[in-house]
Amino acid sequence: MGNPVLNPAHNIYEIKVNSVNANVNVPEIPVPDVVRQAVEPPIRVQADKLADGVWLLAGGTHNSMAVEFRDFVAVVEAPLNEARSLAVIEEVNKLIPDKPIRYLVNTHHHFDHAGGLRTYLAQGTTIVTHESNRDYYLQILFHPGGWTLQPDRLATYYPMFMISRRPAPIETVQDKEVLSDGVRTMDIYHVQDMSYALEDPSYRQGNHSEDMLMAYLPKEKFW
């Protein structure tokens, strides 16, 4: 490799490589038995009824919640990946047959809470998320191309809104939004950073995420 040359005019650092020795022979590294014999555990969705028309969908490391409305269903949270979302959707269809999952409430953008969003979007479910996520979701997370190693439903089937170039079904929350059918209501709040109000400074760590949303059922009085 030659000597590095600083090029301040273009704000770059040039390094000239004289030769490259590719495909160097290296000794084979054996795969440990614990890795080679590992078996992925089956996905389990355990439905626990919290109230009439409200279920906690647990059974894994991350949970979702299904809420039945008069003619549709709203699910809170699509964690991890497509496999988890497909299992949750199947369970919701068993619990609440003949009603579409119209809304998916996404609490925040972290991958372990947003990894299953594409699966719901692929079937036409409207994604409800904080307004700060809109551009990132539309341009990056919900882009159908580039999923060649393990194509998911969004990359494989191309839902109708993509074919017709209509906007993706996304609704954003700034401070508060309400889902209602006239009987049941779900309030969706943006969680403000209230750490400044705490007297003990050791607790002043801010929110888990600046885009954090919380869903509240006022009739049942729980989050």
Protein backbone atom coordinates (compact mmCIF):
# COMPACT_ATOMS: atom_id res chain seq x y z
CA MET A 1 0.00 0.00 0.00
CA GLY A 2 1.35 3.41 -0.91
CA ASN A 3 1.64 6.44 1.31
CA PRO A 4 -1.62 8.25 2.17
CA VAL A 5 -2.17 11.63 0.54
CA LEU A 6 -4.29 14.30 2.18
CA ASN A 7 -6.49 16.24 -0.25
CA PRO A 8 -7.88 19.16 1.74
CA ALA A 9 -9.55 20.76 -1.29
CA HIS A 10 -12.10 17.95 -1.44
CA ASN A 11 -12.07 17.07 2.26
CA ILE A 12 -11.00 13.48 1.58
CA TYR A 13 -8.13 11.19 2.52
CA GLU A 14 -6.70 9.37 -0.50
CA ILE A 15 -5.04 5.98 -0.04
CA LYS A 16 -3.54 4.25 -3.08
CA VAL A 17 -3.46 0.46 -2.90
CA ASN A 18 -0.65 -1.13 -4.92
CA SER A 19 -1.78 -4.73 -4.71
CA VAL A 20 -4.56 -6.84 -3.29
CA ASN A 21 -4.24 -10.52 -2.45
CA ALA A 22 -7.77 -11.85 -2.61
CA ASN A 23 -9.09 -15.28 -1.60
CA VAL A 24 -6.26 -16.08 0.75
CA ASN A 25 -6.36 -19.70 1.90
CA VAL A 26 -7.28 -19.96 5.56
CA PRO A 27 -7.82 -23.06 7.67
CA GLU A 28 -11.40 -24.26 7.89
CA ILE A 29 -13.15 -23.13 11.04
CA PRO A 30 -15.46 -25.84 12.37
CA VAL A 31 -18.98 -24.86 13.35
CA PRO A 32 -19.56 -25.56 17.05
CA ASP A 33 -22.03 -28.37 17.73
CA VAL A 34 -24.22 -26.07 19.81
CA VAL A 35 -24.65 -23.84 16.75
CA ARG A 36 -24.91 -26.59 14.14
CA GLN A 37 -27.54 -28.50 16.09
CA ALA A 38 -29.51 -25.48 17.26
CA VAL A 39 -33.27 -25.62 16.62
CA GLU A 40 -35.35 -22.48 16.49
CA PRO A 41 -38.19 -22.82 18.98
CA PRO A 42 -41.72 -22.67 17.56
CA ILE A 43 -43.53 -19.35 17.80
CA ARG A 44 -46.20 -19.44 20.46
CA VAL A 45 -48.98 -16.89 20.89
CA GLN A 46 -50.83 -17.08 24.18
CA ALA A 47 -54.08 -15.13 24.26
CA ASP A 48 -55.15 -13.85 27.68
CA LYS A 49 -58.50 -12.05 27.88
CA LEU A 50 -58.12 -8.74 29.69
CA ALA A 51 -61.69 -7.48 29.22
CA ASP A 52 -64.60 -7.99 26.84
CA GLY A 53 -63.10 -7.69 23.36
CA VAL A 54 -59.55 -7.09 24.62
CA TRP A 55 -56.77 -9.69 24.57
CA LEU A 56 -53.11 -9.71 25.51
CA LEU A 57 -51.18 -11.69 22.90
CA ALA A 58 -48.16 -13.00 24.77
CA GLY A 59 -46.15 -16.22 24.69
CA GLY A 60 -42.81 -14.77 23.60
CA THR A 61 -40.31 -12.11 24.53
CA HIS A 62 -42.55 -9.31 23.18
CA ASN A 63 -46.31 -8.88 23.40
CA SER A 64 -49.15 -7.39 21.39
CA MET A 65 -52.72 -6.47 22.26
CA ALA A 66 -55.87 -6.98 20.19
CA VAL A 67 -58.91 -4.75 20.66
CA GLU A 68 -62.24 -5.57 19.04
CA PHE A 69 -64.36 -2.74 17.68
CA ARG A 70 -67.81 -2.94 16.09
CA ASP A 71 -66.61 -3.81 12.58
CA PHE A 72 -62.82 -3.96 12.82
CA VAL A 73 -59.87 -4.87 15.03
CA ALA A 74 -56.97 -2.74 16.22
CA VAL A 75 -53.71 -4.40 17.24
CA VAL A 76 -51.15 -2.63 19.40
CA GLU A 77 -47.53 -3.49 18.58
CA ALA A 78 -45.97 -5.63 15.82
CA PRO A 79 -42.69 -6.78 17.35
CA LEU A 80 -39.67 -8.72 16.13
CA ASN A 81 -40.32 -10.03 12.60
CA GLU A 82 -42.76 -11.34 10.02
CA ALA A 83 -42.98 -14.81 11.58
CA ARG A 84 -44.21 -13.31 14.84
CA SER A 85 -46.68 -11.05 13.05
CA LEU A 86 -48.11 -13.94 11.03
CA ALA A 87 -48.63 -15.96 14.20
CA VAL A 88 -50.33 -13.03 15.95
CA ILE A 89 -52.55 -12.33 12.93
CA GLU A 90 -53.60 -15.99 12.84
CA GLU A 91 -54.51 -15.89 16.53
CA VAL A 92 -56.46 -12.64 16.12
CA ASN A 93 -58.44 -14.18 13.26
CA LYS A 94 -59.37 -17.08 15.54
CA LEU A 95 -60.37 -14.84 18.44
CA ILE A 96 -62.24 -12.27 16.33
CA PRO A 97 -63.34 -13.92 13.07
CA ASP A 98 -64.82 -11.99 10.16
CA LYS A 99 -63.39 -8.63 11.27
CA PRO A 100 -60.36 -7.14 9.50
CA ILE A 101 -57.33 -5.82 11.35
CA ARG A 102 -57.77 -2.23 10.26
CA TYR A 103 -55.19 -0.53 12.49
CA LEU A 104 -51.79 -1.45 13.89
CA VAL A 105 -50.56 0.94 16.59
CA ASN A 106 -46.76 1.14 16.59
CA THR A 107 -45.43 2.38 19.94
CA HIS A 108 -41.98 3.38 18.67
CA HIS A 109 -39.39 2.81 15.96
CA HIS A 110 -36.95 0.43 17.69
CA PHE A 111 -36.44 -2.69 15.56
CA ASP A 112 -37.74 -5.11 18.18
CA HIS A 113 -41.03 -3.21 18.21
CA ALA A 114 -41.28 -2.34 14.50
CA GLY A 115 -39.83 -5.48 12.91
CA GLY A 116 -43.24 -6.94 12.11
CA LEU A 117 -44.89 -3.82 10.69
CA ARG A 118 -44.30 -4.73 7.04
CA THR A 119 -46.47 -7.84 7.39
CA TYR A 120 -49.50 -5.82 8.48
CA LEU A 121 -48.90 -3.18 5.82
CA ALA A 122 -48.77 -5.91 3.15
CA GLN A 123 -52.36 -6.91 3.96
CA GLY A 124 -53.63 -3.33 3.90
CA THR A 125 -53.64 -2.58 7.61
CA THR A 126 -53.18 1.11 8.43
CA ILE A 127 -50.05 1.74 10.48
CA VAL A 128 -50.51 4.31 13.27
CA THR A 129 -47.21 5.79 14.41
CA HIS A 130 -45.71 9.05 15.60
CA GLU A 131 -45.32 11.73 12.95
CA SER A 132 -41.51 11.73 13.27
CA ASN A 133 -41.40 8.20 11.83
CA ARG A 134 -43.32 8.87 8.62
CA ASP A 135 -40.46 9.63 6.23
CA TYR A 136 -38.21 6.89 7.58
CA TYR A 137 -40.96 4.30 7.37
CA LEU A 138 -42.06 5.28 3.86
CA GLN A 139 -38.58 5.61 2.38
CA ILE A 140 -36.70 2.85 4.20
CA LEU A 141 -38.68 0.41 6.32
CA PHE A 142 -41.63 0.02 3.93
CA HIS A 143 -39.62 0.04 0.70
CA PRO A 144 -40.55 -3.21 -1.10
CA GLY A 145 -37.24 -3.68 -2.93
CA GLY A 146 -33.96 -5.04 -1.68
CA TRP A 147 -35.36 -7.94 0.35
CA THR A 148 -33.65 -10.67 -1.67
CA LEU A 149 -32.14 -12.90 1.02
CA GLN A 150 -35.43 -13.58 2.78
CA PRO A 151 -38.30 -11.88 0.92
CA ASP A 152 -41.30 -11.11 3.09
CA ARG A 153 -44.90 -10.58 2.05
CA LEU A 154 -44.45 -6.91 1.30
CA ALA A 155 -41.52 -7.64 -1.02
CA THR A 156 -43.24 -10.63 -2.67
CA TYR A 157 -46.86 -9.63 -3.24
CA TYR A 158 -46.72 -5.84 -3.67
CA PRO A 159 -50.02 -4.67 -2.17
CA MET A 160 -52.47 -2.74 -4.30
CA PHE A 161 -51.53 0.68 -2.95
CA MET A 162 -48.02 0.19 -4.32
CA ILE A 163 -49.20 -1.01 -7.73
CA SER A 164 -51.60 1.92 -8.11
CA ARG A 165 -49.04 4.37 -6.64
CA ARG A 166 -51.44 5.43 -3.93
CA PRO A 167 -50.01 6.61 -0.60
CA ALA A 168 -49.23 3.83 1.85
CA PRO A 169 -51.87 3.54 4.61
CA ILE A 170 -50.10 5.38 7.42
CA GLU A 171 -51.71 7.65 10.00
CA THR A 172 -49.47 9.75 12.22
CA VAL A 173 -49.92 11.01 15.74
CA GLN A 174 -48.60 14.35 16.96
CA ASP A 175 -49.97 14.62 20.49
CA LYS A 176 -53.17 12.56 20.58
CA GLU A 177 -55.39 10.57 18.22
CA VAL A 178 -58.54 8.58 18.87
CA LEU A 179 -59.80 5.34 17.36
CA SER A 180 -63.52 4.87 17.89
CA ASP A 181 -66.56 3.11 16.47
CA GLY A 182 -69.03 5.13 18.53
CA VAL A 183 -69.07 2.56 21.32
CA ARG A 184 -65.47 1.61 22.11
CA THR A 185 -62.68 4.20 22.17
CA MET A 186 -58.92 3.88 22.14
CA ASP A 187 -56.92 7.01 22.93
CA ILE A 188 -53.39 7.13 21.53
CA TYR A 189 -51.04 9.55 23.26
CA HIS A 190 -47.55 10.77 22.52
CA VAL A 191 -45.62 10.30 25.75
CA GLN A 192 -43.99 13.57 26.73
CA ASP A 193 -40.62 13.62 28.47
CA MET A 194 -41.55 14.46 32.05
CA SER A 195 -38.19 13.59 33.60
CA TYR A 196 -37.50 17.26 34.29
CA ALA A 197 -40.32 17.24 36.84
CA LEU A 198 -38.75 14.55 39.00
CA GLU A 199 -37.09 15.79 42.17
CA ASP A 200 -34.50 13.01 42.27
CA PRO A 201 -32.01 13.70 39.43
CA SER A 202 -31.02 10.02 39.28
CA TYR A 203 -34.36 9.30 37.58
CA ARG A 204 -33.93 11.96 34.91
CA GLN A 205 -33.16 9.68 32.00
CA GLY A 206 -35.86 10.81 29.59
CA ASN A 207 -38.18 8.58 27.62
CA HIS A 208 -37.24 5.22 26.20
CA SER A 209 -37.78 6.80 22.78
CA GLU A 210 -38.77 10.31 21.70
CA ASP A 211 -41.51 8.96 19.40
CA MET A 212 -43.11 6.81 22.11
CA LEU A 213 -46.87 6.29 21.88
CA MET A 214 -49.19 4.74 24.45
CA ALA A 215 -52.68 3.32 23.89
CA TYR A 216 -55.34 3.86 26.56
CA LEU A 217 -58.80 2.30 26.79
CA PRO A 218 -60.85 4.79 28.85
CA LYS A 219 -63.82 2.47 29.38
CA GLU A 220 -61.63 -0.31 30.75
CA LYS A 221 -59.30 2.24 32.40
CA PHE A 222 -56.01 0.59 31.53
CA TRP A 223 -53.04 1.25 29.27
